[in-house]
């Protein structure tokens, strides 16, 4: 089947690799997540009752907790693919973290528009997947805590002229350098 000069190498299975004392290096993905200055990105658990949405969206915390139960997790950090830049900056979320995390840390891929309609009672459910999937707008849930080495950059913004007008104040790079 192959020419004699070719050597066919079969990669070991995950079980064989573990038996040899190694692990398969997983793929990483780059994500952004925005929060207030007070939010602790390195926390072990995120309490949905402390979210600004908990006071403005009816049953927000209960819906988030129910979703986490469906996923079999205690909490998650809600992120977006780096390539999907937000169209606006929420007033209370002036800190943006650029992350690089292993795909094995992803809890779920969520249809953001469906989730939003679900939160506001416009539909009974929403789409999500535990395996990589892209939606019109995708939110990616990552298992906490975020590790220091996963934070590539921290960007701080401030409001300028209008309600949807912001500028970058500073950027720090506590983890890996930007490529």
Protein backbone atom coordinates (compact mmCIF):
# COMPACT_ATOMS: atom_id res chain seq x y z
CA UNK A 1 0.00 0.00 0.00
CA UNK A 2 2.83 2.42 0.86
CA UNK A 3 6.15 2.64 -1.00
CA UNK A 4 8.89 0.61 0.73
CA UNK A 5 10.90 3.70 1.63
CA UNK A 6 8.03 5.11 3.69
CA UNK A 7 7.75 4.22 7.33
CA UNK A 8 4.20 4.20 8.55
CA UNK A 9 3.96 5.48 12.09
CA UNK A 10 0.81 4.92 14.09
CA UNK A 11 0.18 7.38 16.88
CA UNK A 12 -0.55 5.69 20.20
CA UNK A 13 -4.09 5.79 21.53
CA UNK A 14 -4.83 7.93 24.59
CA UNK A 15 -4.79 4.78 26.76
CA UNK A 16 -1.43 3.65 25.35
CA UNK A 17 0.01 7.14 25.83
CA UNK A 18 -1.11 7.23 29.47
CA UNK A 19 0.36 3.75 30.04
CA UNK A 20 3.69 5.13 28.77
CA UNK A 21 3.46 7.97 31.29
CA UNK A 22 2.52 10.72 28.83
CA UNK A 23 -0.48 12.68 27.72
CA UNK A 24 -1.62 13.96 24.36
CA UNK A 25 -1.12 17.71 24.12
CA UNK A 26 -4.49 19.29 23.47
CA UNK A 27 -5.42 22.19 21.29
CA UNK A 28 -5.78 25.64 22.78
CA UNK A 29 -8.28 28.32 21.91
CA UNK A 30 -8.12 32.08 22.40
CA UNK A 31 -11.06 33.70 24.14
CA UNK A 32 -12.09 37.01 25.64
CA UNK A 33 -14.20 37.64 28.69
CA UNK A 34 -15.31 40.98 30.14
CA UNK A 35 -16.01 41.79 33.75
CA UNK A 36 -16.09 44.57 36.32
CA UNK A 37 -12.95 45.60 38.21
CA UNK A 38 -14.28 43.75 41.27
CA UNK A 39 -14.62 40.38 39.54
CA UNK A 40 -12.00 37.78 40.50
CA UNK A 41 -11.08 35.96 37.27
CA UNK A 42 -9.04 33.43 39.28
CA UNK A 43 -11.92 32.34 41.53
CA UNK A 44 -12.83 28.66 41.97
CA UNK A 45 -16.56 29.35 41.67
CA UNK A 46 -18.69 32.10 40.16
CA UNK A 47 -21.92 32.91 42.02
CA UNK A 48 -24.64 33.92 39.52
CA UNK A 49 -26.47 35.74 42.33
CA UNK A 50 -23.62 38.30 42.38
CA UNK A 51 -23.93 39.02 38.65
CA UNK A 52 -25.26 42.45 37.66
CA UNK A 53 -27.85 40.54 35.59
CA UNK A 54 -29.28 38.96 38.76
CA UNK A 55 -30.96 42.26 39.66
CA UNK A 56 -32.15 43.17 36.16
CA UNK A 57 -33.19 39.84 34.61
CA UNK A 58 -36.03 37.91 36.23
CA UNK A 59 -34.92 34.44 37.44
CA UNK A 60 -31.40 34.98 36.06
CA UNK A 61 -29.56 33.14 38.86
CA UNK A 62 -32.06 30.25 38.88
CA UNK A 63 -31.76 29.81 35.10
CA UNK A 64 -27.95 29.85 35.24
CA UNK A 65 -27.89 27.34 38.10
CA UNK A 66 -30.34 25.08 36.22
CA UNK A 67 -28.11 25.25 33.13
CA UNK A 68 -25.02 24.38 35.20
CA UNK A 69 -26.92 21.40 36.59
CA UNK A 70 -27.66 20.21 33.02
CA UNK A 71 -23.94 20.52 32.26
CA UNK A 72 -22.91 18.79 35.50
CA UNK A 73 -20.77 21.72 36.71
CA UNK A 74 -20.80 24.02 39.71
CA UNK A 75 -20.03 27.18 37.75
CA UNK A 76 -18.32 28.53 34.63
CA UNK A 77 -16.58 31.57 33.19
CA UNK A 78 -18.55 32.89 30.20
CA UNK A 79 -16.29 33.83 27.28
CA UNK A 80 -16.39 34.53 23.55
CA UNK A 81 -14.02 33.49 20.77
CA UNK A 82 -11.32 36.13 20.30
CA UNK A 83 -12.38 36.56 16.67
CA UNK A 84 -15.96 37.48 17.71
CA UNK A 85 -15.39 41.00 19.03
CA UNK A 86 -18.32 42.36 21.05
CA UNK A 87 -20.34 45.04 19.29
CA UNK A 88 -20.56 47.15 22.46
CA UNK A 89 -19.07 47.36 25.93
CA UNK A 90 -21.43 46.93 28.85
CA UNK A 91 -21.10 49.81 31.30
CA UNK A 92 -20.16 47.62 34.27
CA UNK A 93 -17.73 45.40 32.29
CA UNK A 94 -14.68 47.60 31.72
CA UNK A 95 -12.01 44.91 32.10
CA UNK A 96 -11.36 42.47 29.26
CA UNK A 97 -9.22 39.35 29.64
CA UNK A 98 -7.62 37.70 26.64
CA UNK A 99 -7.27 34.01 27.48
CA UNK A 100 -5.63 31.00 25.90
CA UNK A 101 -7.10 27.81 27.35
CA UNK A 102 -7.00 24.15 26.47
CA UNK A 103 -10.07 22.84 24.68
CA UNK A 104 -10.35 20.28 27.47
CA UNK A 105 -11.25 23.16 29.83
CA UNK A 106 -14.36 24.06 27.81
CA UNK A 107 -17.61 23.08 29.49
CA UNK A 108 -20.00 24.08 26.69
CA UNK A 109 -20.49 26.01 23.46
CA UNK A 110 -23.69 28.06 23.72
CA UNK A 111 -25.91 29.79 21.17
CA UNK A 112 -25.69 33.29 22.67
CA UNK A 113 -28.74 34.65 20.86
CA UNK A 114 -30.83 31.64 21.93
CA UNK A 115 -29.55 31.94 25.51
CA UNK A 116 -30.49 35.61 25.58
CA UNK A 117 -34.00 34.90 24.27
CA UNK A 118 -34.33 32.12 26.86
CA UNK A 119 -33.23 34.45 29.68
CA UNK A 120 -35.79 37.07 28.71
CA UNK A 121 -38.61 34.51 28.35
CA UNK A 122 -38.85 34.75 24.54
CA UNK A 123 -38.23 31.02 24.05
CA UNK A 124 -38.47 27.91 26.21
CA UNK A 125 -34.93 26.58 25.63
CA UNK A 126 -31.69 27.26 23.73
CA UNK A 127 -29.00 25.33 21.89
CA UNK A 128 -25.67 24.31 23.34
CA UNK A 129 -23.10 21.61 22.77
CA UNK A 130 -20.45 19.95 24.89
CA UNK A 131 -18.32 19.48 21.77
CA UNK A 132 -16.99 22.29 19.56
CA UNK A 133 -19.84 23.99 17.71
CA UNK A 134 -20.24 27.43 16.20
CA UNK A 135 -23.47 29.42 16.32
CA UNK A 136 -24.36 32.83 14.85
CA UNK A 137 -22.95 34.23 18.11
CA UNK A 138 -21.12 31.69 20.25
CA UNK A 139 -20.45 31.86 23.97
CA UNK A 140 -17.91 29.41 25.33
CA UNK A 141 -18.12 28.33 28.96
CA UNK A 142 -14.80 27.53 30.63
CA UNK A 143 -14.35 25.63 33.88
CA UNK A 144 -13.00 27.83 36.68
CA UNK A 145 -10.54 28.72 37.97
CA UNK A 146 -8.72 30.55 35.20
CA UNK A 147 -5.00 29.94 35.66
CA UNK A 148 -2.55 32.86 35.68
CA UNK A 149 -0.68 31.36 32.72
CA UNK A 150 -3.94 31.28 30.70
CA UNK A 151 -4.27 35.09 30.89
CA UNK A 152 -2.45 36.59 27.93
CA UNK A 153 -3.60 40.19 28.37
CA UNK A 154 -5.76 42.36 30.61
CA UNK A 155 -7.29 45.39 28.92
CA UNK A 156 -9.01 48.21 30.76
CA UNK A 157 -11.48 50.54 29.05
CA UNK A 158 -13.19 53.80 30.01
CA UNK A 159 -16.22 55.59 28.69
CA UNK A 160 -15.55 58.56 26.42
CA UNK A 161 -18.22 60.65 24.67
CA UNK A 162 -21.39 58.60 24.77
CA UNK A 163 -23.09 55.58 26.28
CA UNK A 164 -21.54 53.19 23.73
CA UNK A 165 -18.22 55.01 23.27
CA UNK A 166 -15.17 53.58 25.04
CA UNK A 167 -11.42 53.73 24.66
CA UNK A 168 -8.61 51.44 25.75
CA UNK A 169 -6.88 52.86 28.83
CA UNK A 170 -4.13 50.28 29.26
CA UNK A 171 -3.11 46.72 28.53
CA UNK A 172 -0.98 44.49 30.70
CA UNK A 173 0.42 41.07 29.90
CA UNK A 174 0.70 38.91 33.00
CA UNK A 175 0.85 35.56 31.19
CA UNK A 176 2.21 34.69 27.78
CA UNK A 177 3.36 37.49 25.44
CA UNK A 178 1.08 38.41 22.56
CA UNK A 179 2.21 36.90 19.25
